[in-house]
């Protein structure tokens, strides 16, 4: 009896050993695509199949059957071109000239229209305060109560006497230029002597300055950035124009500048700041202008340019929408 059972067990064991063992074969399907910047990427998708060891396909057969390459082309967006197209609807009149720079904080994309240098007028007051804060950081100190008082009236009310006091305190053009080198500005030069309003700058440089105030990758501490941002959201009522025209309601922080040049009688009108557009994205916007016959016409020009600049990036807009903004001159 026992020998008969043992024989049957041995038979089953031998039969089990003869059965082919299943295994899992993984076949990868590669999909080739491109990022917005044109970089190729590959995604692998694994498929499983249970096959007999005696029927396993060769590597070459498996590769020819399972692996496929499907090129995907995604066009790179030229935002400079989109901005330039949008700006065709913003027509300067007479001697007016305008330059715009925009950064979409959501996507990180930016564009600039125009590279000429302009007088800063009072937008330099943001740079003066940023310089003061950087110098205080380097000295390991906080702003004094007097410095904060000057800073508040300089930014919120655009008070010139306060600006002159802080301009002298930072070391005038020398102090400003040194700080701007640290900030990464390359096309800005402080005005001669007490003439801080005649500091020369570009829209691209003002965008770099705004990144120092509103961006995380900044030489300014978080506390310093928050301080400047807070002041720029509390501009007095009659100065709440400029880049705010491109904002969704009151979602903005800004500083404007305006100056009638005695040599020509024409106006410099500028505006820089952060806005939240109707698409919900946050933008840094710098608009510089010169050559307007009146301040009002200069404001109309820069507001139209700000709207066009933001619309050129808007998720819910196309280039035809971006070109809808125009200046009233």
Foldseek 3Di string as FASTA:
>chain_A
DVVVVVVVVVVVVVVVVPAFDKDKDWFWEWEWEADLVGHIDIDTDIDIDIDGPVPDDDPVVSCVVRYDYDYYYDYHDDLQVLLVLLCVQADDPDPKDKKKKKAFPVVRDIYIDDWDKDQQFLVCLLLLLVLVQLVCVVVVHDDDPVLLVLNLCCFQVVDLVSSLVSCVVCPHQVSSVVVLVVLPADAWGADPDSPRRRIIHTNVSLLSSQCQLPNPPHSGDPVSSVSSQVSQLNHDDVQPAFLCLQADPSFWGKGKGWDQDPVPRKMKIWMWIWHQGPLRIIMTMTMTMIGHNDNVQVRQSRSLSSNLSVQSVRPPHHSVVSNPRYGDD
